[in-house]
Amino acid sequence: MKKMSTLTQVLLAVAVGSASTAAVAHTTDKNEALSGYVVDAQGKIVKDGSGECLRTSYFTAALAVAECDPDLLPKKAAPAPAPVKPAPAPAPAPAPQPQISKVTLEADAYFDFDKATLKPGGKTRIDSEIQKLGDVTLNSVIAIGHTDSIGTDAYNQKLSERRAQAVKDYMVSKGVAADKITIKGMGESQPIADNKTKDGRAKNRRVEIEFNVTQKVAK
């Protein structure tokens, strides 16, 4: 095999070097075309003395990168504001509670002895109670008759019922709805005092009226 001359070796070396340089230049141009920025042999973007990236003639906003041109990148849509929750509805006012008031008509004062007819004083007392109903809603009325222990159980039961009925009849005549009023006769079964004494028996002869009402709701 013949040895190459020195001149041939030099020419060959120059040719190889030129080819390598061309290859690097081609690769660099291709990278720059893809990135839009001047890059070095390692593919890193070249910056000037002020730190600004050097752009190539291929540069467009679509090739911008965050390192060099963050302002050109597409902006992320702002998150939708959270829906405003409506204010909770105010709590309803509590419903008025029923109230029960009790009126006691002593039989000796408001009825004739052993009778079931209301005296004028008994009517006046009931009138004053009916007048109070204008400020409330009447739910119900119960008239309960009682007697002392003198007489038979059956007689006292009937007498207590008649006196309770007399109270209902008078209240209905004054405009109270009949279906709101209930009567009961308890006879001598529920004494509140000693039937062995005159004063005790007088206290036991009575009619109790219970009014169940609620305060009217303001409109």
N, C-alpha and C. Protein backbone atom coordinates (compact mmCIF):
# COMPACT_ATOMS: atom_id res chain seq x y z
N MET A 1 0.85 -1.19 0.00
CA MET A 1 0.00 0.00 0.00
C MET A 1 0.88 1.23 0.00
N LYS A 2 0.53 2.18 -0.87
CA LYS A 2 1.33 3.38 -0.99
C LYS A 2 0.98 4.36 0.10
N LYS A 3 2.00 5.00 0.63
CA LYS A 3 1.78 6.06 1.61
C LYS A 3 1.33 7.31 0.93
N MET A 4 0.36 8.01 1.61
CA MET A 4 -0.12 9.27 1.04
C MET A 4 0.93 10.33 1.27
N SER A 5 0.97 11.21 0.33
CA SER A 5 1.92 12.30 0.47
C SER A 5 1.42 13.27 1.52
N THR A 6 2.34 14.05 1.98
CA THR A 6 1.98 15.05 3.02
C THR A 6 0.92 16.00 2.53
N LEU A 7 0.97 16.41 1.28
CA LEU A 7 -0.01 17.33 0.71
C LEU A 7 -1.39 16.70 0.68
N THR A 8 -1.39 15.42 0.33
CA THR A 8 -2.70 14.72 0.27
C THR A 8 -3.33 14.65 1.64
N GLN A 9 -2.50 14.35 2.64
CA GLN A 9 -3.04 14.28 4.02
C GLN A 9 -3.61 15.62 4.47
N VAL A 10 -2.97 16.69 4.13
CA VAL A 10 -3.44 18.02 4.52
C VAL A 10 -4.78 18.33 3.86
N LEU A 11 -4.85 18.03 2.58
CA LEU A 11 -6.09 18.31 1.86
C LEU A 11 -7.25 17.49 2.41
N LEU A 12 -6.94 16.23 2.77
CA LEU A 12 -7.99 15.37 3.33
C LEU A 12 -8.49 15.89 4.67
N ALA A 13 -7.58 16.35 5.48
CA ALA A 13 -7.97 16.89 6.80
C ALA A 13 -8.84 18.12 6.67
N VAL A 14 -8.50 18.99 5.72
CA VAL A 14 -9.30 20.20 5.49
C VAL A 14 -10.70 19.85 5.05
N ALA A 15 -10.79 18.84 4.19
CA ALA A 15 -12.10 18.43 3.68
C ALA A 15 -12.98 17.90 4.79
N VAL A 16 -12.40 17.06 5.64
CA VAL A 16 -13.17 16.49 6.75
C VAL A 16 -13.63 17.59 7.71
N GLY A 17 -12.75 18.55 8.03
CA GLY A 17 -13.11 19.66 8.92
C GLY A 17 -14.23 20.49 8.37
N SER A 18 -14.17 20.74 7.06
CA SER A 18 -15.22 21.55 6.44
C SER A 18 -16.56 20.85 6.52
N ALA A 19 -16.54 19.52 6.31
CA ALA A 19 -17.80 18.76 6.37
C ALA A 19 -18.39 18.80 7.76
N SER A 20 -17.57 18.68 8.81
CA SER A 20 -18.06 18.71 10.20
C SER A 20 -18.66 20.06 10.53
N THR A 21 -17.98 21.15 10.10
CA THR A 21 -18.49 22.49 10.34
C THR A 21 -19.84 22.69 9.69
N ALA A 22 -19.95 22.20 8.48
CA ALA A 22 -21.21 22.33 7.74
C ALA A 22 -22.32 21.58 8.46
N ALA A 23 -21.95 20.40 9.01
CA ALA A 23 -22.96 19.61 9.73
C ALA A 23 -23.43 20.34 10.98
N VAL A 24 -22.51 20.95 11.75
CA VAL A 24 -22.89 21.71 12.94
C VAL A 24 -23.75 22.90 12.57
N ALA A 25 -23.34 23.59 11.50
CA ALA A 25 -24.11 24.76 11.07
C ALA A 25 -25.51 24.36 10.66
N HIS A 26 -25.62 23.21 9.95
CA HIS A 26 -26.94 22.76 9.52
C HIS A 26 -27.81 22.41 10.71
N THR A 27 -27.18 21.72 11.68
CA THR A 27 -27.95 21.35 12.87
C THR A 27 -28.39 22.58 13.63
N THR A 28 -27.51 23.56 13.80
CA THR A 28 -27.85 24.78 14.53
C THR A 28 -28.96 25.54 13.83
N ASP A 29 -28.87 25.68 12.52
CA ASP A 29 -29.91 26.38 11.77
C ASP A 29 -31.26 25.69 11.94
N LYS A 30 -31.23 24.36 11.94
CA LYS A 30 -32.48 23.61 12.09
C LYS A 30 -33.09 23.85 13.47
N ASN A 31 -32.26 23.83 14.54
CA ASN A 31 -32.75 24.08 15.89
C ASN A 31 -33.31 25.48 16.03
N GLU A 32 -32.61 26.43 15.43
CA GLU A 32 -33.09 27.81 15.50
C GLU A 32 -34.41 27.97 14.75
N ALA A 33 -34.57 27.28 13.66
CA ALA A 33 -35.83 27.36 12.92
C ALA A 33 -36.97 26.78 13.74
N LEU A 34 -36.67 25.74 14.52
CA LEU A 34 -37.71 25.12 15.34
C LEU A 34 -38.02 25.94 16.57
N SER A 35 -36.97 26.60 17.13
CA SER A 35 -37.20 27.31 18.38
C SER A 35 -37.48 28.79 18.18
N GLY A 36 -37.01 29.38 17.13
CA GLY A 36 -37.17 30.82 16.90
C GLY A 36 -36.13 31.64 17.62
N TYR A 37 -35.17 31.00 18.29
CA TYR A 37 -34.11 31.69 19.02
C TYR A 37 -32.76 31.17 18.55
N VAL A 38 -31.74 32.03 18.68
CA VAL A 38 -30.37 31.62 18.37
C VAL A 38 -29.91 30.66 19.47
N VAL A 39 -29.40 29.51 19.09
CA VAL A 39 -28.93 28.51 20.05
C VAL A 39 -27.47 28.20 19.78
N ASP A 40 -26.78 27.73 20.84
CA ASP A 40 -25.37 27.35 20.67
C ASP A 40 -25.29 25.88 20.30
N ALA A 41 -24.08 25.35 20.30
CA ALA A 41 -23.86 23.97 19.86
C ALA A 41 -24.55 22.97 20.79
N GLN A 42 -24.76 23.36 22.04
CA GLN A 42 -25.45 22.45 22.97
C GLN A 42 -26.98 22.62 22.92
N GLY A 43 -27.48 23.48 22.06
CA GLY A 43 -28.92 23.67 21.92
C GLY A 43 -29.49 24.66 22.91
N LYS A 44 -28.61 25.38 23.67
CA LYS A 44 -29.09 26.36 24.62
C LYS A 44 -29.30 27.69 23.94
N ILE A 45 -30.34 28.42 24.37
CA ILE A 45 -30.64 29.71 23.76
C ILE A 45 -29.57 30.71 24.15
N VAL A 46 -29.08 31.45 23.14
CA VAL A 46 -28.03 32.45 23.35
C VAL A 46 -28.67 33.77 23.79
N LYS A 47 -28.08 34.41 24.82
CA LYS A 47 -28.60 35.68 25.33
C LYS A 47 -27.54 36.76 25.17
N ASP A 48 -27.99 38.00 25.06
CA ASP A 48 -27.04 39.10 24.95
C ASP A 48 -26.56 39.53 26.33
N GLY A 49 -25.80 40.61 26.38
CA GLY A 49 -25.22 41.05 27.64
C GLY A 49 -26.25 41.47 28.67
N SER A 50 -27.44 41.87 28.24
CA SER A 50 -28.48 42.29 29.18
C SER A 50 -29.40 41.14 29.58
N GLY A 51 -29.09 39.97 29.10
CA GLY A 51 -29.89 38.80 29.46
C GLY A 51 -31.08 38.56 28.55
N GLU A 52 -31.18 39.33 27.46
CA GLU A 52 -32.29 39.14 26.53
C GLU A 52 -31.95 38.02 25.55
N CYS A 53 -32.94 37.18 25.27
CA CYS A 53 -32.74 36.09 24.31
C CYS A 53 -32.62 36.65 22.90
N LEU A 54 -31.72 36.06 22.13
CA LEU A 54 -31.54 36.49 20.73
C LEU A 54 -32.51 35.71 19.86
N ARG A 55 -33.33 36.45 19.13
CA ARG A 55 -34.30 35.83 18.24
C ARG A 55 -33.70 35.65 16.84
N THR A 56 -34.23 34.66 16.14
CA THR A 56 -33.83 34.46 14.74
C THR A 56 -34.89 35.06 13.83
N SER A 57 -34.62 35.02 12.56
CA SER A 57 -35.60 35.52 11.59
C SER A 57 -36.82 34.61 11.49
N TYR A 58 -36.70 33.41 12.10
CA TYR A 58 -37.83 32.48 12.08
C TYR A 58 -38.83 32.77 13.20
N PHE A 59 -38.47 33.66 14.09
CA PHE A 59 -39.26 33.82 15.32
C PHE A 59 -40.69 34.30 15.03
N THR A 60 -41.63 33.66 15.70
CA THR A 60 -43.04 34.11 15.74
C THR A 60 -43.52 33.95 17.19
N ALA A 61 -44.62 34.59 17.47
CA ALA A 61 -45.17 34.49 18.83
C ALA A 61 -45.50 33.05 19.20
N ALA A 62 -45.81 32.24 18.19
CA ALA A 62 -46.14 30.84 18.48
C ALA A 62 -44.95 30.07 18.99
N LEU A 63 -43.70 30.56 18.72
CA LEU A 63 -42.49 29.87 19.16
C LEU A 63 -41.96 30.42 20.48
N ALA A 64 -42.66 31.39 21.08
CA ALA A 64 -42.19 32.00 22.32
C ALA A 64 -42.14 30.96 23.44
N VAL A 65 -41.10 31.13 24.29
CA VAL A 65 -40.96 30.24 25.45
C VAL A 65 -40.98 31.11 26.71
N ALA A 66 -41.30 30.47 27.81
CA ALA A 66 -41.42 31.21 29.07
C ALA A 66 -40.10 31.82 29.50
N GLU A 67 -38.99 31.17 29.16
CA GLU A 67 -37.67 31.67 29.56
C GLU A 67 -37.37 33.03 28.95
N CYS A 68 -37.86 33.26 27.73
CA CYS A 68 -37.51 34.48 27.01
C CYS A 68 -38.67 35.46 26.88
N ASP A 69 -39.82 34.96 26.53
CA ASP A 69 -40.96 35.84 26.25
C ASP A 69 -42.22 35.34 26.95
N PRO A 70 -42.26 35.42 28.27
CA PRO A 70 -43.45 34.92 28.98
C PRO A 70 -44.72 35.69 28.65
N ASP A 71 -44.55 36.99 28.27
CA ASP A 71 -45.73 37.79 27.97
C ASP A 71 -46.44 37.37 26.70
N LEU A 72 -45.70 36.61 25.83
CA LEU A 72 -46.30 36.19 24.57
C LEU A 72 -47.01 34.85 24.67
N LEU A 73 -46.87 34.19 25.81
CA LEU A 73 -47.52 32.89 25.97
C LEU A 73 -49.02 33.09 26.18
N PRO A 74 -49.83 32.12 25.75
CA PRO A 74 -51.28 32.24 25.96
C PRO A 74 -51.60 32.37 27.44
N LYS A 75 -52.47 33.30 27.74
CA LYS A 75 -52.85 33.51 29.14
C LYS A 75 -53.89 32.46 29.55
N LYS A 76 -53.71 31.95 30.77
CA LYS A 76 -54.68 31.01 31.31
C LYS A 76 -55.96 31.76 31.67
N ALA A 77 -57.05 31.14 31.32
CA ALA A 77 -58.34 31.77 31.65
C ALA A 77 -58.49 31.91 33.16
N ALA A 78 -58.95 33.07 33.56
CA ALA A 78 -59.16 33.30 34.99
C ALA A 78 -60.25 32.36 35.50
N PRO A 79 -60.07 31.81 36.66
CA PRO A 79 -61.11 30.91 37.18
C PRO A 79 -62.44 31.63 37.37
N ALA A 80 -63.49 30.94 37.06
CA ALA A 80 -64.82 31.54 37.22
C ALA A 80 -65.07 31.87 38.68
N PRO A 81 -65.65 33.03 38.94
CA PRO A 81 -65.90 33.38 40.34
C PRO A 81 -66.86 32.37 40.98
N ALA A 82 -66.62 32.11 42.23
CA ALA A 82 -67.48 31.18 42.95
C ALA A 82 -68.89 31.75 43.01
N PRO A 83 -69.89 30.90 42.82
CA PRO A 83 -71.26 31.42 42.87
C PRO A 83 -71.58 31.99 44.25
N VAL A 84 -72.27 33.09 44.21
CA VAL A 84 -72.64 33.75 45.47
C VAL A 84 -73.83 33.01 46.08
N LYS A 85 -73.62 32.55 47.28
CA LYS A 85 -74.71 31.84 47.96
C LYS A 85 -75.75 32.85 48.44
N PRO A 86 -77.00 32.55 48.17
CA PRO A 86 -78.03 33.47 48.68
C PRO A 86 -78.05 33.48 50.20
N ALA A 87 -78.38 34.62 50.73
CA ALA A 87 -78.47 34.73 52.20
C ALA A 87 -79.57 33.81 52.71
N PRO A 88 -79.31 33.14 53.81
CA PRO A 88 -80.35 32.24 54.33
C PRO A 88 -81.61 32.99 54.69
N ALA A 89 -82.71 32.35 54.43
CA ALA A 89 -84.00 32.97 54.75
C ALA A 89 -84.12 33.13 56.27
N PRO A 90 -84.68 34.23 56.68
CA PRO A 90 -84.84 34.41 58.14
C PRO A 90 -85.73 33.33 58.72
N ALA A 91 -85.38 32.93 59.91
CA ALA A 91 -86.17 31.89 60.58
C ALA A 91 -87.57 32.41 60.85
N PRO A 92 -88.56 31.56 60.59
CA PRO A 92 -89.94 32.03 60.85
C PRO A 92 -90.14 32.30 62.33
N ALA A 93 -90.98 33.26 62.58
CA ALA A 93 -91.29 33.58 63.98
C ALA A 93 -92.00 32.41 64.62
N PRO A 94 -91.67 32.11 65.85
CA PRO A 94 -92.33 30.98 66.51
C PRO A 94 -93.84 31.21 66.61
N ALA A 95 -94.57 30.13 66.40
CA ALA A 95 -96.02 30.23 66.47
C ALA A 95 -96.45 30.56 67.90
N PRO A 96 -97.43 31.42 68.04
CA PRO A 96 -97.91 31.73 69.39
C PRO A 96 -98.39 30.47 70.11
N GLN A 97 -98.03 30.35 71.37
CA GLN A 97 -98.42 29.19 72.15
C GLN A 97 -99.79 29.41 72.80
N PRO A 98 -100.61 28.35 72.82
CA PRO A 98 -101.92 28.49 73.47
C PRO A 98 -101.77 28.85 74.95
N GLN A 99 -102.69 29.64 75.44
CA GLN A 99 -102.72 30.01 76.85
C GLN A 99 -104.09 29.64 77.42
N ILE A 100 -104.07 29.15 78.62
CA ILE A 100 -105.32 28.75 79.27
C ILE A 100 -105.54 29.62 80.50
N SER A 101 -106.67 30.27 80.54
CA SER A 101 -107.03 31.05 81.72
C SER A 101 -108.29 30.43 82.32
N LYS A 102 -108.40 30.49 83.63
CA LYS A 102 -109.52 29.85 84.32
C LYS A 102 -110.28 30.89 85.15
N VAL A 103 -111.58 30.84 85.03
CA VAL A 103 -112.47 31.70 85.81
C VAL A 103 -113.39 30.80 86.62
N THR A 104 -113.54 31.10 87.90
CA THR A 104 -114.42 30.31 88.77
C THR A 104 -115.61 31.14 89.21
N LEU A 105 -116.81 30.62 88.96
CA LEU A 105 -118.04 31.27 89.41
C LEU A 105 -118.54 30.51 90.63
N GLU A 106 -118.51 31.16 91.79
CA GLU A 106 -119.02 30.50 92.99
C GLU A 106 -120.54 30.41 92.90
N ALA A 107 -121.05 29.21 93.07
CA ALA A 107 -122.49 28.99 92.85
C ALA A 107 -123.36 29.85 93.75
N ASP A 108 -123.01 30.01 94.99
CA ASP A 108 -123.85 30.79 95.91
C ASP A 108 -123.92 32.26 95.51
N ALA A 109 -122.87 32.76 94.83
CA ALA A 109 -122.84 34.17 94.44
C ALA A 109 -123.49 34.39 93.08
N TYR A 110 -123.37 33.43 92.18
CA TYR A 110 -123.81 33.65 90.80
C TYR A 110 -125.03 32.80 90.39
N PHE A 111 -125.45 31.90 91.24
CA PHE A 111 -126.65 31.10 91.03
C PHE A 111 -127.48 31.12 92.32
N ASP A 112 -128.79 31.05 92.18
CA ASP A 112 -129.62 30.84 93.36
C ASP A 112 -129.36 29.44 93.89
N PHE A 113 -129.55 29.30 95.19
CA PHE A 113 -129.28 28.00 95.82
C PHE A 113 -130.15 26.92 95.16
N ASP A 114 -129.48 25.83 94.82
CA ASP A 114 -130.12 24.65 94.24
C ASP A 114 -130.77 24.95 92.89
N LYS A 115 -130.32 26.04 92.22
CA LYS A 115 -130.87 26.39 90.92
C LYS A 115 -129.74 26.43 89.88
N ALA A 116 -130.15 26.47 88.60
CA ALA A 116 -129.17 26.51 87.51
C ALA A 116 -129.36 27.74 86.64
N THR A 117 -129.96 28.79 87.23
CA THR A 117 -130.18 30.03 86.49
C THR A 117 -129.14 31.06 86.93
N LEU A 118 -128.44 31.65 85.95
CA LEU A 118 -127.41 32.64 86.27
C LEU A 118 -128.03 33.89 86.86
N LYS A 119 -127.45 34.40 87.93
CA LYS A 119 -127.84 35.69 88.49
C LYS A 119 -127.20 36.82 87.67
N PRO A 120 -127.67 38.06 87.81
CA PRO A 120 -127.06 39.19 87.09
C PRO A 120 -125.56 39.30 87.35
N GLY A 121 -125.13 39.04 88.57
CA GLY A 121 -123.71 39.13 88.85
C GLY A 121 -122.90 38.11 88.06
N GLY A 122 -123.45 36.92 87.85
CA GLY A 122 -122.76 35.91 87.05
C GLY A 122 -122.66 36.32 85.60
N LYS A 123 -123.72 36.95 85.08
CA LYS A 123 -123.69 37.42 83.69
C LYS A 123 -122.65 38.52 83.50
N THR A 124 -122.60 39.43 84.49
CA THR A 124 -121.61 40.51 84.39
C THR A 124 -120.19 39.95 84.38
N ARG A 125 -119.94 38.96 85.22
CA ARG A 125 -118.61 38.37 85.27
C ARG A 125 -118.26 37.71 83.93
N ILE A 126 -119.20 37.00 83.36
CA ILE A 126 -118.94 36.35 82.06
C ILE A 126 -118.76 37.40 80.96
N ASP A 127 -119.54 38.49 81.03
CA ASP A 127 -119.40 39.57 80.03
C ASP A 127 -117.97 40.12 80.01
N SER A 128 -117.38 40.31 81.19
CA SER A 128 -116.03 40.87 81.26
C SER A 128 -115.01 39.92 80.63
N GLU A 129 -115.25 38.62 80.78
CA GLU A 129 -114.33 37.66 80.19
C GLU A 129 -114.49 37.60 78.67
N ILE A 130 -115.70 37.69 78.19
CA ILE A 130 -115.94 37.68 76.74
C ILE A 130 -115.31 38.90 76.09
N GLN A 131 -115.34 40.04 76.79
CA GLN A 131 -114.76 41.27 76.24
C GLN A 131 -113.26 41.09 75.99
N LYS A 132 -112.59 40.30 76.80
CA LYS A 132 -111.15 40.08 76.64
C LYS A 132 -110.83 39.26 75.38
N LEU A 133 -111.81 38.54 74.88
CA LEU A 133 -111.56 37.67 73.72
C LEU A 133 -111.30 38.46 72.44
N GLY A 134 -111.57 39.76 72.45
CA GLY A 134 -111.31 40.56 71.26
C GLY A 134 -109.84 40.68 70.93
N ASP A 135 -108.98 40.48 71.90
CA ASP A 135 -107.54 40.62 71.68
C ASP A 135 -106.84 39.29 71.43
N VAL A 136 -107.59 38.20 71.42
CA VAL A 136 -106.99 36.87 71.24
C VAL A 136 -107.84 36.05 70.29
N THR A 137 -107.29 34.91 69.88
CA THR A 137 -108.05 33.93 69.10
C THR A 137 -108.57 32.86 70.06
N LEU A 138 -109.87 32.69 70.07
CA LEU A 138 -110.46 31.70 70.97
C LEU A 138 -110.38 30.32 70.33
N ASN A 139 -109.71 29.42 71.01
CA ASN A 139 -109.62 28.04 70.52
C ASN A 139 -110.75 27.18 71.06
N SER A 140 -111.00 27.29 72.34
CA SER A 140 -112.06 26.49 72.95
C SER A 140 -112.40 27.03 74.34
N VAL A 141 -113.58 26.63 74.81
CA VAL A 141 -114.02 26.97 76.16
C VAL A 141 -114.59 25.69 76.78
N ILE A 142 -114.27 25.46 78.03
CA ILE A 142 -114.87 24.34 78.77
C ILE A 142 -115.53 24.90 80.03
N ALA A 143 -116.80 24.61 80.20
CA ALA A 143 -117.53 24.99 81.42
C ALA A 143 -117.75 23.71 82.22
N ILE A 144 -117.25 23.69 83.46
CA ILE A 144 -117.29 22.49 84.29
C ILE A 144 -118.06 22.81 85.57
N GLY A 145 -119.17 22.11 85.80
CA GLY A 145 -119.98 22.33 86.99
C GLY A 145 -119.60 21.38 88.12
N HIS A 146 -119.68 21.90 89.36
CA HIS A 146 -119.35 21.12 90.56
C HIS A 146 -120.40 21.39 91.64
N THR A 147 -120.57 20.46 92.56
CA THR A 147 -121.49 20.64 93.68
C THR A 147 -120.80 20.20 94.97
N ASP A 148 -121.53 20.47 96.10
CA ASP A 148 -121.04 19.93 97.37
C ASP A 148 -121.55 18.50 97.51
N SER A 149 -121.41 17.92 98.68
CA SER A 149 -121.77 16.51 98.87
C SER A 149 -123.19 16.30 99.38
N ILE A 150 -123.94 17.38 99.60
CA ILE A 150 -125.32 17.24 100.08
C ILE A 150 -126.19 16.80 98.90
N GLY A 151 -126.98 15.79 99.11
CA GLY A 151 -127.83 15.28 98.05
C GLY A 151 -127.24 14.00 97.47
N THR A 152 -128.02 13.35 96.61
CA THR A 152 -127.56 12.10 96.00
C THR A 152 -126.55 12.39 94.90
N ASP A 153 -125.78 11.38 94.60
CA ASP A 153 -124.79 11.54 93.52
C ASP A 153 -125.48 11.88 92.20
N ALA A 154 -126.57 11.19 91.91
CA ALA A 154 -127.26 11.42 90.63
C ALA A 154 -127.82 12.84 90.56
N TYR A 155 -128.41 13.32 91.66
CA TYR A 155 -128.97 14.68 91.66
C TYR A 155 -127.86 15.70 91.46
N ASN A 156 -126.78 15.54 92.22
CA ASN A 156 -125.67 16.50 92.12
C ASN A 156 -125.05 16.48 90.72
N GLN A 157 -124.97 15.32 90.08
CA GLN A 157 -124.43 15.24 88.73
C GLN A 157 -125.29 16.06 87.76
N LYS A 158 -126.61 15.90 87.85
CA LYS A 158 -127.51 16.65 86.97
C LYS A 158 -127.43 18.16 87.24
N LEU A 159 -127.37 18.53 88.52
CA LEU A 159 -127.29 19.95 88.86
C LEU A 159 -126.01 20.57 88.32
N SER A 160 -124.89 19.87 88.43
CA SER A 160 -123.62 20.41 87.91
C SER A 160 -123.67 20.56 86.39
N GLU A 161 -124.33 19.64 85.71
CA GLU A 161 -124.45 19.73 84.25
C GLU A 161 -125.34 20.91 83.84
N ARG A 162 -126.46 21.13 84.59
CA ARG A 162 -127.37 22.22 84.25
C ARG A 162 -126.69 23.57 84.43
N ARG A 163 -125.92 23.72 85.47
CA ARG A 163 -125.22 24.99 85.68
C ARG A 163 -124.16 25.23 84.60
N ALA A 164 -123.47 24.19 84.20
CA ALA A 164 -122.50 24.34 83.12
C ALA A 164 -123.20 24.70 81.81
N GLN A 165 -124.37 24.10 81.58
CA GLN A 165 -125.14 24.41 80.37
C GLN A 165 -125.64 25.84 80.40
N ALA A 166 -126.01 26.35 81.59
CA ALA A 166 -126.47 27.73 81.69
C ALA A 166 -125.36 28.71 81.29
N VAL A 167 -124.13 28.38 81.67
CA VAL A 167 -123.00 29.22 81.29
C VAL A 167 -122.81 29.20 79.77
N LYS A 168 -122.90 28.02 79.18
CA LYS A 168 -122.74 27.93 77.72
C LYS A 168 -123.83 28.72 77.01
N ASP A 169 -125.07 28.52 77.43
CA ASP A 169 -126.17 29.22 76.76
C ASP A 169 -125.99 30.73 76.81
N TYR A 170 -125.53 31.24 77.93
CA TYR A 170 -125.36 32.69 78.03
C TYR A 170 -124.21 33.16 77.13
N MET A 171 -123.13 32.41 77.08
CA MET A 171 -122.00 32.81 76.22
C MET A 171 -122.40 32.77 74.76
N VAL A 172 -123.18 31.78 74.36
CA VAL A 172 -123.65 31.72 72.97
C VAL A 172 -124.54 32.93 72.67
N SER A 173 -125.37 33.35 73.63
CA SER A 173 -126.23 34.52 73.41
C SER A 173 -125.42 35.80 73.24
N LYS A 174 -124.16 35.78 73.70
CA LYS A 174 -123.27 36.93 73.58
C LYS A 174 -122.33 36.83 72.37
N GLY A 175 -122.58 35.84 71.53
CA GLY A 175 -121.83 35.76 70.28
C GLY A 175 -120.70 34.76 70.22
N VAL A 176 -120.47 34.01 71.30
CA VAL A 176 -119.43 32.98 71.26
C VAL A 176 -119.96 31.76 70.52
N ALA A 177 -119.18 31.23 69.58
CA ALA A 177 -119.63 30.09 68.77
C ALA A 177 -119.91 28.88 69.67
N ALA A 178 -121.09 28.28 69.46
CA ALA A 178 -121.49 27.14 70.30
C ALA A 178 -120.52 25.97 70.16
N ASP A 179 -119.96 25.79 68.93
CA ASP A 179 -119.06 24.63 68.74
C ASP A 179 -117.70 24.82 69.41
N LYS A 180 -117.47 26.02 69.95
CA LYS A 180 -116.22 26.25 70.69
C LYS A 180 -116.36 25.89 72.17
N ILE A 181 -117.61 25.68 72.61
CA ILE A 181 -117.85 25.50 74.04
C ILE A 181 -118.23 24.06 74.35
N THR A 182 -117.55 23.48 75.30
CA THR A 182 -117.85 22.14 75.80
C THR A 182 -118.26 22.25 77.26
N ILE A 183 -119.24 21.42 77.67
CA ILE A 183 -119.65 21.42 79.07
C ILE A 183 -119.37 20.06 79.70
N LYS A 184 -119.12 20.11 81.00
CA LYS A 184 -118.94 18.88 81.78
C LYS A 184 -119.61 19.07 83.13
N GLY A 185 -120.19 17.99 83.64
CA GLY A 185 -120.72 18.01 85.00
C GLY A 185 -119.95 17.01 85.83
N MET A 186 -119.31 17.48 86.88
CA MET A 186 -118.50 16.60 87.73
C MET A 186 -119.20 16.25 89.04
N GLY A 187 -120.43 16.79 89.26
CA GLY A 187 -121.15 16.50 90.49
C GLY A 187 -120.33 16.87 91.71
N GLU A 188 -120.28 15.97 92.69
CA GLU A 188 -119.53 16.23 93.92
C GLU A 188 -118.17 15.54 93.93
N SER A 189 -117.73 15.05 92.75
CA SER A 189 -116.54 14.19 92.70
C SER A 189 -115.21 14.93 92.83
N GLN A 190 -115.19 16.26 92.68
CA GLN A 190 -113.93 16.99 92.73
C GLN A 190 -114.01 18.18 93.70
N PRO A 191 -114.15 17.94 94.96
CA PRO A 191 -114.21 19.05 95.93
C PRO A 191 -112.85 19.74 96.06
N ILE A 192 -112.89 21.02 96.34
CA ILE A 192 -111.64 21.77 96.57
C ILE A 192 -111.53 22.19 98.04
N ALA A 193 -112.55 21.86 98.82
CA ALA A 193 -112.56 22.19 100.25
C ALA A 193 -113.30 21.10 101.00
N ASP A 194 -113.31 21.19 102.30
CA ASP A 194 -113.91 20.17 103.16
C ASP A 194 -115.43 20.31 103.17
N ASN A 195 -116.14 19.27 102.73
CA ASN A 195 -117.59 19.30 102.69
C ASN A 195 -118.23 19.21 104.07
N LYS A 196 -117.42 19.02 105.11
CA LYS A 196 -117.96 18.91 106.46
C LYS A 196 -118.25 20.28 107.08
N THR A 197 -117.75 21.35 106.44
CA THR A 197 -117.98 22.70 106.95
C THR A 197 -118.83 23.49 105.97
N LYS A 198 -119.53 24.51 106.52
CA LYS A 198 -120.37 25.35 105.67
C LYS A 198 -119.55 26.10 104.63
N ASP A 199 -118.43 26.68 105.07
CA ASP A 199 -117.58 27.42 104.13
C ASP A 199 -116.99 26.49 103.07
N GLY A 200 -116.61 25.29 103.49
CA GLY A 200 -116.05 24.33 102.54
C GLY A 200 -117.06 23.93 101.49
N ARG A 201 -118.32 23.67 101.91
CA ARG A 201 -119.36 23.30 100.94
C ARG A 201 -119.65 24.45 99.98
N ALA A 202 -119.59 25.68 100.48
CA ALA A 202 -119.83 26.84 99.61
C ALA A 202 -118.76 26.93 98.52
N LYS A 203 -117.52 26.64 98.89
CA LYS A 203 -116.44 26.67 97.89
C LYS A 203 -116.58 25.56 96.85
N ASN A 204 -117.13 24.44 97.26
CA ASN A 204 -117.27 23.32 96.33
C ASN A 204 -118.40 23.53 95.33
N ARG A 205 -119.38 24.37 95.68
CA ARG A 205 -120.48 24.67 94.74
C ARG A 205 -119.98 25.77 93.78
N ARG A 206 -119.60 25.34 92.61
CA ARG A 206 -118.94 26.28 91.69
C ARG A 206 -119.08 25.82 90.24
N VAL A 207 -118.80 26.77 89.31
CA VAL A 207 -118.65 26.46 87.88
C VAL A 207 -117.31 27.05 87.44
N GLU A 208 -116.46 26.21 86.92
CA GLU A 208 -115.16 26.66 86.43
C GLU A 208 -115.22 26.79 84.91
N ILE A 209 -114.73 27.92 84.42
CA ILE A 209 -114.71 28.17 82.97
C ILE A 209 -113.25 28.27 82.54
N GLU A 210 -112.84 27.41 81.63
CA GLU A 210 -111.46 27.42 81.12
C GLU A 210 -111.45 27.95 79.69
N PHE A 211 -110.69 29.02 79.45
CA PHE A 211 -110.56 29.61 78.12
C PHE A 211 -109.20 29.21 77.54
N ASN A 212 -109.23 28.58 76.38
CA ASN A 212 -107.99 28.23 75.67
C ASN A 212 -107.85 29.19 74.50
N VAL A 213 -106.84 30.07 74.56
CA VAL A 213 -106.69 31.13 73.56
C VAL A 213 -105.24 31.22 73.10
N THR A 214 -105.03 31.88 71.96
CA THR A 214 -103.68 32.23 71.50
C THR A 214 -103.71 33.69 71.08
N GLN A 215 -102.56 34.32 71.20
CA GLN A 215 -102.44 35.71 70.78
C GLN A 215 -102.63 35.81 69.26
N LYS A 216 -103.30 36.83 68.82
CA LYS A 216 -103.51 37.02 67.39
C LYS A 216 -102.19 37.41 66.72
N VAL A 217 -101.94 36.84 65.53
CA VAL A 217 -100.71 37.14 64.79
C VAL A 217 -100.90 38.45 64.04
N ALA A 218 -99.94 39.39 64.23
CA ALA A 218 -100.04 40.67 63.54
C ALA A 218 -99.83 40.47 62.04
N LYS A 219 -100.62 41.13 61.21
CA LYS A 219 -100.49 41.01 59.75
C LYS A 219 -99.65 42.13 59.19
